[in-house]
Amino acid sequence: MKIGELSKATGVSVRSLRYYEKQGLLTAWRTASGYREYSPFAVEQVQTVKLYLSLGLTTEQIAGFLHCVMKNKEAFCQEILPVYMQKLTEIENQIQLLTSIKSNLEERIHAIKAENPNITEGLSCP
């Protein structure tokens, strides 16, 4: 199938598909006229890439294990568990940071309201 057909079948833009190819996540061959051609298997491959992107992984991380996952079940790919664990640690750190920021904002709001009980929430300053 051509790149436009793959784009329609997967909901991924042509530009993104070209990027996936450049990152080694997708393979195409060229026709005599220079058009990219993809196998029907490419639809499943793109859907798999979309899944891992939705988990917050980078294309570089995905490239490290995609070939294994496409050949085997995810559970049989040793490369994937460290990536998942690293991503989970990153998310936990982000949650801690956001929780701290939220707490600081709540404290500031409380302090401002305590000093000026006439302030109405949601109104901006003039």
PDB file of N, CA and C in Angstrom:
ATOM      1  N   MET A   1       0.841  -1.179   0.000  1.00  0.00           N
ATOM      2  CA  MET A   1       0.000   0.000   0.000  1.00  0.00           C
ATOM      3  C   MET A   1       0.887   1.243   0.000  1.00  0.00           C
ATOM      4  N   LYS A   2       0.352   2.310  -0.532  1.00  0.00           N
ATOM      5  CA  LYS A   2       1.080   3.575  -0.597  1.00  0.00           C
ATOM      6  C   LYS A   2       0.930   4.318   0.735  1.00  0.00           C
ATOM      7  N   ILE A   3       1.744   5.338   0.931  1.00  0.00           N
ATOM      8  CA  ILE A   3       1.792   6.052   2.205  1.00  0.00           C
ATOM      9  C   ILE A   3       0.449   6.711   2.543  1.00  0.00           C
ATOM     10  N   GLY A   4      -0.259   7.232   1.549  1.00  0.00           N
ATOM     11  CA  GLY A   4      -1.566   7.833   1.796  1.00  0.00           C
ATOM     12  C   GLY A   4      -2.576   6.808   2.280  1.00  0.00           C
ATOM     13  N   GLU A   5      -2.514   5.620   1.726  1.00  0.00           N
ATOM     14  CA  GLU A   5      -3.418   4.541   2.152  1.00  0.00           C
ATOM     15  C   GLU A   5      -3.098   4.114   3.582  1.00  0.00           C
ATOM     16  N   LEU A   6      -1.812   4.028   3.890  1.00  0.00           N
ATOM     17  CA  LEU A   6      -1.408   3.669   5.252  1.00  0.00           C
ATOM     18  C   LEU A   6      -1.844   4.749   6.234  1.00  0.00           C
ATOM     19  N   SER A   7      -1.737   5.983   5.822  1.00  0.00           N
ATOM     20  CA  SER A   7      -2.168   7.097   6.661  1.00  0.00           C
ATOM     21  C   SER A   7      -3.661   6.991   6.966  1.00  0.00           C
ATOM     22  N   LYS A   8      -4.466   6.733   5.943  1.00  0.00           N
ATOM     23  CA  LYS A   8      -5.915   6.598   6.142  1.00  0.00           C
ATOM     24  C   LYS A   8      -6.246   5.384   7.002  1.00  0.00           C
ATOM     25  N   ALA A   9      -5.533   4.287   6.807  1.00  0.00           N
ATOM     26  CA  ALA A   9      -5.811   3.050   7.545  1.00  0.00           C
ATOM     27  C   ALA A   9      -5.449   3.160   9.021  1.00  0.00           C
ATOM     28  N   THR A  10      -4.495   4.016   9.356  1.00  0.00           N
ATOM     29  CA  THR A  10      -4.010   4.092  10.738  1.00  0.00           C
ATOM     30  C   THR A  10      -4.387   5.378  11.454  1.00  0.00           C
ATOM     31  N   GLY A  11      -4.799   6.398  10.709  1.00  0.00           N
ATOM     32  CA  GLY A  11      -5.090   7.688  11.317  1.00  0.00           C
ATOM     33  C   GLY A  11      -3.840   8.476  11.663  1.00  0.00           C
ATOM     34  N   VAL A  12      -2.702   8.072  11.110  1.00  0.00           N
ATOM     35  CA  VAL A  12      -1.431   8.748  11.355  1.00  0.00           C
ATOM     36  C   VAL A  12      -1.093   9.567  10.112  1.00  0.00           C
ATOM     37  N   SER A  13      -0.653  10.789  10.309  1.00  0.00           N
ATOM     38  CA  SER A  13      -0.357  11.660   9.173  1.00  0.00           C
ATOM     39  C   SER A  13       0.787  11.106   8.329  1.00  0.00           C
ATOM     40  N   VAL A  14       0.796  11.496   7.068  1.00  0.00           N
ATOM     41  CA  VAL A  14       1.871  11.111   6.162  1.00  0.00           C
ATOM     42  C   VAL A  14       3.205  11.600   6.713  1.00  0.00           C
ATOM     43  N   ARG A  15       3.203  12.796   7.245  1.00  0.00           N
ATOM     44  CA  ARG A  15       4.430  13.358   7.816  1.00  0.00           C
ATOM     45  C   ARG A  15       4.951  12.478   8.955  1.00  0.00           C
ATOM     46  N   SER A  16       4.062  12.030   9.833  1.00  0.00           N
ATOM     47  CA  SER A  16       4.469  11.164  10.940  1.00  0.00           C
ATOM     48  C   SER A  16       4.980   9.820  10.431  1.00  0.00           C
ATOM     49  N   LEU A  17       4.337   9.285   9.420  1.00  0.00           N
ATOM     50  CA  LEU A  17       4.791   8.010   8.858  1.00  0.00           C
ATOM     51  C   LEU A  17       6.204   8.141   8.290  1.00  0.00           C
ATOM     52  N   ARG A  18       6.465   9.242   7.620  1.00  0.00           N
ATOM     53  CA  ARG A  18       7.823   9.479   7.120  1.00  0.00           C
ATOM     54  C   ARG A  18       8.813   9.574   8.275  1.00  0.00           C
ATOM     55  N   TYR A  19       8.395  10.221   9.357  1.00  0.00           N
ATOM     56  CA  TYR A  19       9.244  10.334  10.538  1.00  0.00           C
ATOM     57  C   TYR A  19       9.497   8.950  11.147  1.00  0.00           C
ATOM     58  N   TYR A  20       8.452   8.125  11.264  1.00  0.00           N
ATOM     59  CA  TYR A  20       8.615   6.767  11.787  1.00  0.00           C
ATOM     60  C   TYR A  20       9.631   5.998  10.951  1.00  0.00           C
ATOM     61  N   GLU A  21       9.539   6.174   9.650  1.00  0.00           N
ATOM     62  CA  GLU A  21      10.469   5.492   8.755  1.00  0.00           C
ATOM     63  C   GLU A  21      11.900   5.976   9.006  1.00  0.00           C
ATOM     64  N   LYS A  22      12.060   7.273   9.142  1.00  0.00           N
ATOM     65  CA  LYS A  22      13.382   7.852   9.390  1.00  0.00           C
ATOM     66  C   LYS A  22      13.965   7.354  10.709  1.00  0.00           C
ATOM     67  N   GLN A  23      13.091   7.119  11.710  1.00  0.00           N
ATOM     68  CA  GLN A  23      13.519   6.648  13.023  1.00  0.00           C
ATOM     69  C   GLN A  23      13.714   5.126  13.073  1.00  0.00           C
ATOM     70  N   GLY A  24      13.453   4.443  11.976  1.00  0.00           N
ATOM     71  CA  GLY A  24      13.626   2.988  11.920  1.00  0.00           C
ATOM     72  C   GLY A  24      12.463   2.205  12.499  1.00  0.00           C
ATOM     73  N   LEU A  25      11.309   2.858  12.670  1.00  0.00           N
ATOM     74  CA  LEU A  25      10.133   2.196  13.225  1.00  0.00           C
ATOM     75  C   LEU A  25       9.247   1.576  12.148  1.00  0.00           C
ATOM     76  N   LEU A  26       9.511   1.908  10.925  1.00  0.00           N
ATOM     77  CA  LEU A  26       8.679   1.488   9.806  1.00  0.00           C
ATOM     78  C   LEU A  26       9.574   1.345   8.584  1.00  0.00           C
ATOM     79  N   THR A  27       9.278   0.348   7.777  1.00  0.00           N
ATOM     80  CA  THR A  27      10.087   0.112   6.589  1.00  0.00           C
ATOM     81  C   THR A  27       9.214   0.173   5.344  1.00  0.00           C
ATOM     82  N   ALA A  28       9.731   0.832   4.333  1.00  0.00           N
ATOM     83  CA  ALA A  28       9.046   0.906   3.046  1.00  0.00           C
ATOM     84  C   ALA A  28      10.048   0.584   1.957  1.00  0.00           C
ATOM     85  N   TRP A  29       9.543   0.200   0.826  1.00  0.00           N
ATOM     86  CA  TRP A  29      10.411   0.073  -0.331  1.00  0.00           C
ATOM     87  C   TRP A  29       9.892   1.018  -1.388  1.00  0.00           C
ATOM     88  N   ARG A  30      10.719   1.346  -2.312  1.00  0.00           N
ATOM     89  CA  ARG A  30      10.359   2.313  -3.349  1.00  0.00           C
ATOM     90  C   ARG A  30       9.970   1.590  -4.634  1.00  0.00           C
ATOM     91  N   THR A  31       8.908   2.103  -5.245  1.00  0.00           N
ATOM     92  CA  THR A  31       8.509   1.578  -6.550  1.00  0.00           C
ATOM     93  C   THR A  31       9.427   2.181  -7.606  1.00  0.00           C
ATOM     94  N   ALA A  32       9.293   1.710  -8.810  1.00  0.00           N
ATOM     95  CA  ALA A  32      10.104   2.235  -9.916  1.00  0.00           C
ATOM     96  C   ALA A  32       9.861   3.726 -10.107  1.00  0.00           C
ATOM     97  N   SER A  33       8.654   4.170  -9.799  1.00  0.00           N
ATOM     98  CA  SER A  33       8.336   5.592  -9.949  1.00  0.00           C
ATOM     99  C   SER A  33       8.699   6.401  -8.698  1.00  0.00           C
ATOM    100  N   GLY A  34       9.288   5.748  -7.676  1.00  0.00           N
ATOM    101  CA  GLY A  34       9.760   6.464  -6.504  1.00  0.00           C
ATOM    102  C   GLY A  34       8.781   6.551  -5.344  1.00  0.00           C
ATOM    103  N   TYR A  35       7.597   5.958  -5.494  1.00  0.00           N
ATOM    104  CA  TYR A  35       6.614   5.991  -4.400  1.00  0.00           C
ATOM    105  C   TYR A  35       6.984   4.995  -3.313  1.00  0.00           C
ATOM    106  N   ARG A  36       6.681   5.355  -2.062  1.00  0.00           N
ATOM    107  CA  ARG A  36       6.867   4.418  -0.952  1.00  0.00           C
ATOM    108  C   ARG A  36       5.770   3.371  -1.023  1.00  0.00           C
ATOM    109  N   GLU A  37       6.145   2.140  -0.760  1.00  0.00           N
ATOM    110  CA  GLU A  37       5.183   1.037  -0.678  1.00  0.00           C
ATOM    111  C   GLU A  37       5.374   0.342   0.658  1.00  0.00           C
ATOM    112  N   TYR A  38       4.263   0.013   1.299  1.00  0.00           N
ATOM    113  CA  TYR A  38       4.291  -0.656   2.595  1.00  0.00           C
ATOM    114  C   TYR A  38       3.524  -1.962   2.498  1.00  0.00           C
ATOM    115  N   SER A  39       3.951  -2.918   3.298  1.00  0.00           N
ATOM    116  CA  SER A  39       3.240  -4.190   3.348  1.00  0.00           C
ATOM    117  C   SER A  39       1.975  -4.013   4.175  1.00  0.00           C
ATOM    118  N   PRO A  40       1.014  -4.919   4.045  1.00  0.00           N
ATOM    119  CA  PRO A  40      -0.192  -4.850   4.886  1.00  0.00           C
ATOM    120  C   PRO A  40       0.148  -4.946   6.381  1.00  0.00           C
ATOM    121  N   PHE A  41       1.267  -5.562   6.711  1.00  0.00           N
ATOM    122  CA  PHE A  41       1.756  -5.687   8.088  1.00  0.00           C
ATOM    123  C   PHE A  41       2.062  -4.311   8.692  1.00  0.00           C
ATOM    124  N   ALA A  42       2.305  -3.317   7.854  1.00  0.00           N
ATOM    125  CA  ALA A  42       2.657  -1.980   8.322  1.00  0.00           C
ATOM    126  C   ALA A  42       1.536  -1.358   9.161  1.00  0.00           C
ATOM    127  N   VAL A  43       0.286  -1.702   8.882  1.00  0.00           N
ATOM    128  CA  VAL A  43      -0.831  -1.164   9.669  1.00  0.00           C
ATOM    129  C   VAL A  43      -0.679  -1.586  11.126  1.00  0.00           C
ATOM    130  N   GLU A  44      -0.418  -2.855  11.349  1.00  0.00           N
ATOM    131  CA  GLU A  44      -0.229  -3.352  12.722  1.00  0.00           C
ATOM    132  C   GLU A  44       0.996  -2.702  13.363  1.00  0.00           C
ATOM    133  N   GLN A  45       2.037  -2.529  12.588  1.00  0.00           N
ATOM    134  CA  GLN A  45       3.262  -1.930  13.102  1.00  0.00           C
ATOM    135  C   GLN A  45       3.015  -0.479  13.547  1.00  0.00           C
ATOM    136  N   VAL A  46       2.303   0.281  12.736  1.00  0.00           N
ATOM    137  CA  VAL A  46       2.001   1.676  13.082  1.00  0.00           C
ATOM    138  C   VAL A  46       1.087   1.731  14.311  1.00  0.00           C
ATOM    139  N   GLN A  47       0.118   0.836  14.384  1.00  0.00           N
ATOM    140  CA  GLN A  47      -0.762   0.806  15.558  1.00  0.00           C
ATOM    141  C   GLN A  47       0.038   0.494  16.823  1.00  0.00           C
ATOM    142  N   THR A  48       1.030  -0.366  16.705  1.00  0.00           N
ATOM    143  CA  THR A  48       1.889  -0.697  17.840  1.00  0.00           C
ATOM    144  C   THR A  48       2.719   0.516  18.251  1.00  0.00           C
ATOM    145  N   VAL A  49       3.250   1.229  17.287  1.00  0.00           N
ATOM    146  CA  VAL A  49       4.010   2.450  17.581  1.00  0.00           C
ATOM    147  C   VAL A  49       3.105   3.457  18.282  1.00  0.00           C
ATOM    148  N   LYS A  50       1.884   3.614  17.798  1.00  0.00           N
ATOM    149  CA  LYS A  50       0.937   4.546  18.424  1.00  0.00           C
ATOM    150  C   LYS A  50       0.677   4.171  19.880  1.00  0.00           C
ATOM    151  N   LEU A  51       0.547   2.881  20.156  1.00  0.00           N
ATOM    152  CA  LEU A  51       0.323   2.421  21.527  1.00  0.00           C
ATOM    153  C   LEU A  51       1.474   2.852  22.424  1.00  0.00           C
ATOM    154  N   TYR A  52       2.699   2.602  21.983  1.00  0.00           N
ATOM    155  CA  TYR A  52       3.850   2.946  22.814  1.00  0.00           C
ATOM    156  C   TYR A  52       4.033   4.457  22.946  1.00  0.00           C
ATOM    157  N   LEU A  53       3.705   5.199  21.917  1.00  0.00           N
ATOM    158  CA  LEU A  53       3.751   6.658  22.031  1.00  0.00           C
ATOM    159  C   LEU A  53       2.726   7.138  23.052  1.00  0.00           C
ATOM    160  N   SER A  54       1.558   6.484  23.089  1.00  0.00           N
ATOM    161  CA  SER A  54       0.519   6.873  24.048  1.00  0.00           C
ATOM    162  C   SER A  54       0.924   6.572  25.490  1.00  0.00           C
ATOM    163  N   LEU A  55       1.911   5.698  25.666  1.00  0.00           N
ATOM    164  CA  LEU A  55       2.444   5.416  26.996  1.00  0.00           C
ATOM    165  C   LEU A  55       3.516   6.419  27.393  1.00  0.00           C
ATOM    166  N   GLY A  56       3.794   7.362  26.493  1.00  0.00           N
ATOM    167  CA  GLY A  56       4.761   8.410  26.784  1.00  0.00           C
ATOM    168  C   GLY A  56       6.185   8.059  26.406  1.00  0.00           C
ATOM    169  N   LEU A  57       6.361   6.968  25.669  1.00  0.00           N
ATOM    170  CA  LEU A  57       7.703   6.573  25.268  1.00  0.00           C
ATOM    171  C   LEU A  57       8.141   7.370  24.043  1.00  0.00           C
ATOM    172  N   THR A  58       9.436   7.534  23.903  1.00  0.00           N
ATOM    173  CA  THR A  58       9.987   8.243  22.745  1.00  0.00           C
ATOM    174  C   THR A  58      10.178   7.275  21.591  1.00  0.00           C
ATOM    175  N   THR A  59      10.306   7.819  20.405  1.00  0.00           N
ATOM    176  CA  THR A  59      10.553   6.955  19.247  1.00  0.00           C
ATOM    177  C   THR A  59      11.887   6.231  19.396  1.00  0.00           C
ATOM    178  N   GLU A  60      12.847   6.874  20.033  1.00  0.00           N
ATOM    179  CA  GLU A  60      14.140   6.216  20.260  1.00  0.00           C
ATOM    180  C   GLU A  60      13.979   5.010  21.193  1.00  0.00           C
ATOM    181  N   GLN A  61      13.203   5.171  22.248  1.00  0.00           N
ATOM    182  CA  GLN A  61      12.954   4.050  23.157  1.00  0.00           C
ATOM    183  C   GLN A  61      12.216   2.928  22.430  1.00  0.00           C
ATOM    184  N   ILE A  62      11.208   3.294  21.652  1.00  0.00           N
ATOM    185  CA  ILE A  62      10.411   2.302  20.923  1.00  0.00           C
ATOM    186  C   ILE A  62      11.288   1.538  19.938  1.00  0.00           C
ATOM    187  N   ALA A  63      12.169   2.247  19.261  1.00  0.00           N
ATOM    188  CA  ALA A  63      13.046   1.600  18.280  1.00  0.00           C
ATOM    189  C   ALA A  63      13.911   0.529  18.932  1.00  0.00           C
ATOM    190  N   GLY A  64      14.204   0.674  20.220  1.00  0.00           N
ATOM    191  CA  GLY A  64      15.044  -0.289  20.918  1.00  0.00           C
ATOM    192  C   GLY A  64      14.401  -1.643  21.133  1.00  0.00           C
ATOM    193  N   PHE A  65      13.069  -1.717  21.062  1.00  0.00           N
ATOM    194  CA  PHE A  65      12.413  -2.997  21.308  1.00  0.00           C
ATOM    195  C   PHE A  65      11.324  -3.355  20.295  1.00  0.00           C
ATOM    196  N   LEU A  66      10.999  -2.469  19.386  1.00  0.00           N
ATOM    197  CA  LEU A  66       9.875  -2.696  18.472  1.00  0.00           C
ATOM    198  C   LEU A  66      10.030  -3.977  17.657  1.00  0.00           C
ATOM    199  N   HIS A  67      11.221  -4.206  17.140  1.00  0.00           N
ATOM    200  CA  HIS A  67      11.435  -5.407  16.319  1.00  0.00           C
ATOM    201  C   HIS A  67      11.097  -6.665  17.122  1.00  0.00           C
ATOM    202  N   CYS A  68      11.548  -6.710  18.359  1.00  0.00           N
ATOM    203  CA  CYS A  68      11.267  -7.859  19.219  1.00  0.00           C
ATOM    204  C   CYS A  68       9.769  -8.014  19.453  1.00  0.00           C
ATOM    205  N   VAL A  69       9.112  -6.909  19.773  1.00  0.00           N
ATOM    206  CA  VAL A  69       7.674  -6.950  20.066  1.00  0.00           C
ATOM    207  C   VAL A  69       6.875  -7.401  18.839  1.00  0.00           C
ATOM    208  N   MET A  70       7.298  -6.977  17.667  1.00  0.00           N
ATOM    209  CA  MET A  70       6.572  -7.343  16.453  1.00  0.00           C
ATOM    210  C   MET A  70       6.763  -8.833  16.119  1.00  0.00           C
ATOM    211  N   LYS A  71       7.860  -9.424  16.561  1.00  0.00           N
ATOM    212  CA  LYS A  71       8.116 -10.841  16.310  1.00  0.00           C
ATOM    213  C   LYS A  71       7.560 -11.728  17.421  1.00  0.00           C
ATOM    214  N   ASN A  72       7.562 -11.239  18.649  1.00  0.00           N
ATOM    215  CA  ASN A  72       7.179 -12.012  19.825  1.00  0.00           C
ATOM    216  C   ASN A  72       6.121 -11.262  20.616  1.00  0.00           C
ATOM    217  N   LYS A  73       5.691 -11.877  21.682  1.00  0.00           N
ATOM    218  CA  LYS A  73       4.834 -11.156  22.621  1.00  0.00           C
ATOM    219  C   LYS A  73       5.705 -10.222  23.443  1.00  0.00           C
ATOM    220  N   GLU A  74       5.106  -9.158  23.915  1.00  0.00           N
ATOM    221  CA  GLU A  74       5.811  -8.155  24.705  1.00  0.00           C
ATOM    222  C   GLU A  74       6.541  -8.788  25.900  1.00  0.00           C
ATOM    223  N   ALA A  75       5.913  -9.763  26.544  1.00  0.00           N
ATOM    224  CA  ALA A  75       6.484 -10.389  27.732  1.00  0.00           C
ATOM    225  C   ALA A  75       7.798 -11.111  27.450  1.00  0.00           C
ATOM    226  N   PHE A  76       8.056 -11.437  26.198  1.00  0.00           N
ATOM    227  CA  PHE A  76       9.277 -12.160  25.843  1.00  0.00           C
ATOM    228  C   PHE A  76      10.413 -11.233  25.415  1.00  0.00           C
ATOM    229  N   CYS A  77      10.191  -9.942  25.475  1.00  0.00           N
ATOM    230  CA  CYS A  77      11.203  -8.970  25.052  1.00  0.00           C
ATOM    231  C   CYS A  77      11.863  -8.358  26.282  1.00  0.00           C
ATOM    232  N   GLN A  78      13.082  -8.788  26.548  1.00  0.00           N
ATOM    233  CA  GLN A  78      13.806  -8.327  27.734  1.00  0.00           C
ATOM    234  C   GLN A  78      14.065  -6.828  27.699  1.00  0.00           C
ATOM    235  N   GLU A  79      14.122  -6.241  26.522  1.00  0.00           N
ATOM    236  CA  GLU A  79      14.457  -4.829  26.385  1.00  0.00           C
ATOM    237  C   GLU A  79      13.372  -3.903  26.904  1.00  0.00           C
ATOM    238  N   ILE A  80      12.143  -4.398  26.992  1.00  0.00           N
ATOM    239  CA  ILE A  80      11.017  -3.508  27.274  1.00  0.00           C
ATOM    240  C   ILE A  80      10.842  -3.192  28.762  1.00  0.00           C
ATOM    241  N   LEU A  81      11.109  -4.139  29.642  1.00  0.00           N
ATOM    242  CA  LEU A  81      10.881  -3.915  31.066  1.00  0.00           C
ATOM    243  C   LEU A  81      11.708  -2.758  31.629  1.00  0.00           C
ATOM    244  N   PRO A  82      13.007  -2.659  31.327  1.00  0.00           N
ATOM    245  CA  PRO A  82      13.756  -1.495  31.830  1.00  0.00           C
ATOM    246  C   PRO A  82      13.212  -0.159  31.317  1.00  0.00           C
ATOM    247  N   VAL A  83      12.717  -0.138  30.093  1.00  0.00           N
ATOM    248  CA  VAL A  83      12.141   1.093  29.528  1.00  0.00           C
ATOM    249  C   VAL A  83      10.882   1.463  30.301  1.00  0.00           C
ATOM    250  N   TYR A  84      10.027   0.483  30.555  1.00  0.00           N
ATOM    251  CA  TYR A  84       8.810   0.734  31.334  1.00  0.00           C
ATOM    252  C   TYR A  84       9.144   1.229  32.737  1.00  0.00           C
ATOM    253  N   MET A  85      10.119   0.593  33.363  1.00  0.00           N
ATOM    254  CA  MET A  85      10.485   0.983  34.726  1.00  0.00           C
ATOM    255  C   MET A  85      11.049   2.403  34.756  1.00  0.00           C
ATOM    256  N   GLN A  86      11.865   2.752  33.767  1.00  0.00           N
ATOM    257  CA  GLN A  86      12.414   4.103  33.689  1.00  0.00           C
ATOM    258  C   GLN A  86      11.291   5.120  33.487  1.00  0.00           C
ATOM    259  N   LYS A  87      10.346   4.808  32.612  1.00  0.00           N
ATOM    260  CA  LYS A  87       9.232   5.729  32.349  1.00  0.00           C
ATOM    261  C   LYS A  87       8.380   5.902  33.599  1.00  0.00           C
ATOM    262  N   LEU A  88       8.135   4.821  34.315  1.00  0.00           N
ATOM    263  CA  LEU A  88       7.344   4.902  35.539  1.00  0.00           C
ATOM    264  C   LEU A  88       8.032   5.790  36.576  1.00  0.00           C
ATOM    265  N   THR A  89       9.348   5.657  36.697  1.00  0.00           N
ATOM    266  CA  THR A  89      10.108   6.513  37.619  1.00  0.00           C
ATOM    267  C   THR A  89       9.983   7.977  37.208  1.00  0.00           C
ATOM    268  N   GLU A  90      10.098   8.263  35.915  1.00  0.00           N
ATOM    269  CA  GLU A  90       9.940   9.635  35.425  1.00  0.00           C
ATOM    270  C   GLU A  90       8.567  10.184  35.784  1.00  0.00           C
ATOM    271  N   ILE A  91       7.540   9.382  35.596  1.00  0.00           N
ATOM    272  CA  ILE A  91       6.167   9.818  35.888  1.00  0.00           C
ATOM    273  C   ILE A  91       5.991  10.061  37.386  1.00  0.00           C
ATOM    274  N   GLU A  92       6.535   9.172  38.209  1.00  0.00           N
ATOM    275  CA  GLU A  92       6.442   9.361  39.658  1.00  0.00           C
ATOM    276  C   GLU A  92       7.135  10.652  40.087  1.00  0.00           C
ATOM    277  N   ASN A  93       8.283  10.961  39.484  1.00  0.00           N
ATOM    278  CA  ASN A  93       8.982  12.210  39.790  1.00  0.00           C
ATOM    279  C   ASN A  93       8.165  13.420  39.356  1.00  0.00           C
ATOM    280  N   GLN A  94       7.520  13.331  38.195  1.00  0.00           N
ATOM    281  CA  GLN A  94       6.670  14.428  37.723  1.00  0.00           C
ATOM    282  C   GLN A  94       5.475  14.629  38.655  1.00  0.00           C
ATOM    283  N   ILE A  95       4.897  13.531  39.117  1.00  0.00           N
ATOM    284  CA  ILE A  95       3.759  13.623  40.036  1.00  0.00           C
ATOM    285  C   ILE A  95       4.188  14.309  41.333  1.00  0.00           C
ATOM    286  N   GLN A  96       5.352  13.950  41.855  1.00  0.00           N
ATOM    287  CA  GLN A  96       5.856  14.585  43.074  1.00  0.00           C
ATOM    288  C   GLN A  96       6.062  16.083  42.861  1.00  0.00           C
ATOM    289  N   LEU A  97       6.658  16.444  41.730  1.00  0.00           N
ATOM    290  CA  LEU A  97       6.883  17.857  41.432  1.00  0.00           C
ATOM    291  C   LEU A  97       5.561  18.603  41.310  1.00  0.00           C
ATOM    292  N   LEU A  98       4.615  18.048  40.590  1.00  0.00           N
ATOM    293  CA  LEU A  98       3.317  18.700  40.417  1.00  0.00           C
ATOM    294  C   LEU A  98       2.555  18.794  41.733  1.00  0.00           C
ATOM    295  N   THR A  99       2.671  17.777  42.569  1.00  0.00           N
ATOM    296  CA  THR A  99       2.029  17.809  43.888  1.00  0.00           C
ATOM    297  C   THR A  99       2.610  18.935  44.730  1.00  0.00           C
ATOM    298  N   SER A 100       3.917  19.110  44.667  1.00  0.00           N
ATOM    299  CA  SER A 100       4.575  20.193  45.406  1.00  0.00           C
ATOM    300  C   SER A 100       4.130  21.559  44.883  1.00  0.00           C
ATOM    301  N   ILE A 101       4.071  21.708  43.569  1.00  0.00           N
ATOM    302  CA  ILE A 101       3.625  22.969  42.961  1.00  0.00           C
ATOM    303  C   ILE A 101       2.175  23.256  43.371  1.00  0.00           C
ATOM    304  N   LYS A 102       1.329  22.234  43.324  1.00  0.00           N
ATOM    305  CA  LYS A 102      -0.074  22.390  43.702  1.00  0.00           C
ATOM    306  C   LYS A 102      -0.187  22.848  45.153  1.00  0.00           C
ATOM    307  N   SER A 103       0.575  22.227  46.019  1.00  0.00           N
ATOM    308  CA  SER A 103       0.551  22.585  47.441  1.00  0.00           C
ATOM    309  C   SER A 103       0.989  24.034  47.644  1.00  0.00           C
ATOM    310  N   ASN A 104       2.043  24.437  46.957  1.00  0.00           N
ATOM    311  CA  ASN A 104       2.518  25.822  47.058  1.00  0.00           C
ATOM    312  C   ASN A 104       1.464  26.816  46.577  1.00  0.00           C
ATOM    313  N   LEU A 105       0.810  26.498  45.474  1.00  0.00           N
ATOM    314  CA  LEU A 105      -0.246  27.381  44.964  1.00  0.00           C
ATOM    315  C   LEU A 105      -1.414  27.470  45.948  1.00  0.00           C
ATOM    316  N   GLU A 106      -1.797  26.332  46.512  1.00  0.00           N
ATOM    317  CA  GLU A 106      -2.891  26.335  47.488  1.00  0.00           C
ATOM    318  C   GLU A 106      -2.533  27.188  48.716  1.00  0.00           C
ATOM    319  N   GLU A 107      -1.287  27.089  49.160  1.00  0.00           N
ATOM    320  CA  GLU A 107      -0.833  27.905  50.291  1.00  0.00           C
ATOM    321  C   GLU A 107      -0.894  29.389  49.950  1.00  0.00           C
ATOM    322  N   ARG A 108      -0.462  29.771  48.750  1.00  0.00           N
ATOM    323  CA  ARG A 108      -0.493  31.173  48.331  1.00  0.00           C
ATOM    324  C   ARG A 108      -1.932  31.672  48.246  1.00  0.00           C
ATOM    325  N   ILE A 109      -2.803  30.873  47.700  1.00  0.00           N
ATOM    326  CA  ILE A 109      -4.220  31.263  47.604  1.00  0.00           C
ATOM    327  C   ILE A 109      -4.799  31.467  48.998  1.00  0.00           C
ATOM    328  N   HIS A 110      -4.530  30.547  49.900  1.00  0.00           N
ATOM    329  CA  HIS A 110      -5.027  30.644  51.275  1.00  0.00           C
ATOM    330  C   HIS A 110      -4.494  31.912  51.954  1.00  0.00           C
ATOM    331  N   ALA A 111      -3.206  32.190  51.754  1.00  0.00           N
ATOM    332  CA  ALA A 111      -2.599  33.380  52.358  1.00  0.00           C
ATOM    333  C   ALA A 111      -3.234  34.659  51.813  1.00  0.00           C
ATOM    334  N   ILE A 112      -3.464  34.718  50.525  1.00  0.00           N
ATOM    335  CA  ILE A 112      -4.076  35.910  49.917  1.00  0.00           C
ATOM    336  C   ILE A 112      -5.505  36.090  50.415  1.00  0.00           C
ATOM    337  N   LYS A 113      -6.259  35.002  50.487  1.00  0.00           N
ATOM    338  CA  LYS A 113      -7.638  35.083  50.971  1.00  0.00           C
ATOM    339  C   LYS A 113      -7.682  35.495  52.442  1.00  0.00           C
ATOM    340  N   ALA A 114      -6.716  35.028  53.213  1.00  0.00           N
ATOM    341  CA  ALA A 114      -6.681  35.372  54.634  1.00  0.00           C
ATOM    342  C   ALA A 114      -6.427  36.864  54.823  1.00  0.00           C
ATOM    343  N   GLU A 115      -5.605  37.444  53.945  1.00  0.00           N
ATOM    344  CA  GLU A 115      -5.292  38.872  54.041  1.00  0.00           C
ATOM    345  C   GLU A 115      -6.412  39.737  53.475  1.00  0.00           C
ATOM    346  N   ASN A 116      -7.158  39.202  52.540  1.00  0.00           N
ATOM    347  CA  ASN A 116      -8.217  39.983  51.907  1.00  0.00           C
ATOM    348  C   ASN A 116      -9.427  39.084  51.662  1.00  0.00           C
ATOM    349  N   PRO A 117     -10.304  38.939  52.657  1.00  0.00           N
ATOM    350  CA  PRO A 117     -11.463  38.049  52.542  1.00  0.00           C
ATOM    351  C   PRO A 117     -12.489  38.510  51.500  1.00  0.00           C
ATOM    352  N   ASN A 118     -12.371  39.729  51.008  1.00  0.00           N
ATOM    353  CA  ASN A 118     -13.322  40.241  50.011  1.00  0.00           C
ATOM    354  C   ASN A 118     -12.974  39.822  48.580  1.00  0.00           C
ATOM    355  N   ILE A 119     -11.816  39.171  48.400  1.00  0.00           N
ATOM    356  CA  ILE A 119     -11.421  38.738  47.039  1.00  0.00           C
ATOM    357  C   ILE A 119     -12.382  37.639  46.577  1.00  0.00           C
ATOM    358  N   THR A 120     -12.845  37.819  45.367  1.00  0.00           N
ATOM    359  CA  THR A 120     -13.736  36.820  44.765  1.00  0.00           C
ATOM    360  C   THR A 120     -12.893  35.901  43.898  1.00  0.00           C
ATOM    361  N   GLU A 121     -13.091  34.596  44.071  1.00  0.00           N
ATOM    362  CA  GLU A 121     -12.319  33.631  43.296  1.00  0.00           C
ATOM    363  C   GLU A 121     -12.646  33.765  41.806  1.00  0.00           C
ATOM    364  N   GLY A 122     -11.651  33.554  40.993  1.00  0.00           N
ATOM    365  CA  GLY A 122     -11.839  33.538  39.539  1.00  0.00           C
ATOM    366  C   GLY A 122     -11.774  34.892  38.875  1.00  0.00           C
ATOM    367  N   LEU A 123     -11.767  35.972  39.653  1.00  0.00           N
ATOM    368  CA  LEU A 123     -11.681  37.293  39.055  1.00  0.00           C
ATOM    369  C   LEU A 123     -10.213  37.676  38.886  1.00  0.00           C
ATOM    370  N   SER A 124      -9.903  38.279  37.769  1.00  0.00           N
ATOM    371  CA  SER A 124      -8.515  38.714  37.538  1.00  0.00           C
ATOM    372  C   SER A 124      -8.327  40.124  38.076  1.00  0.00           C
ATOM    373  N   CYS A 125      -7.071  40.465  38.299  1.00  0.00           N
ATOM    374  CA  CYS A 125      -6.761  41.809  38.781  1.00  0.00           C
ATOM    375  C   CYS A 125      -6.935  42.817  37.651  1.00  0.00           C
ATOM    376  N   PRO A 126      -7.340  44.071  37.995  1.00  0.00           N
ATOM    377  CA  PRO A 126      -7.525  45.086  36.938  1.00  0.00           C
ATOM    378  C   PRO A 126      -6.212  45.527  36.338  1.00  0.00           C
TER     379      PRO A 126
END
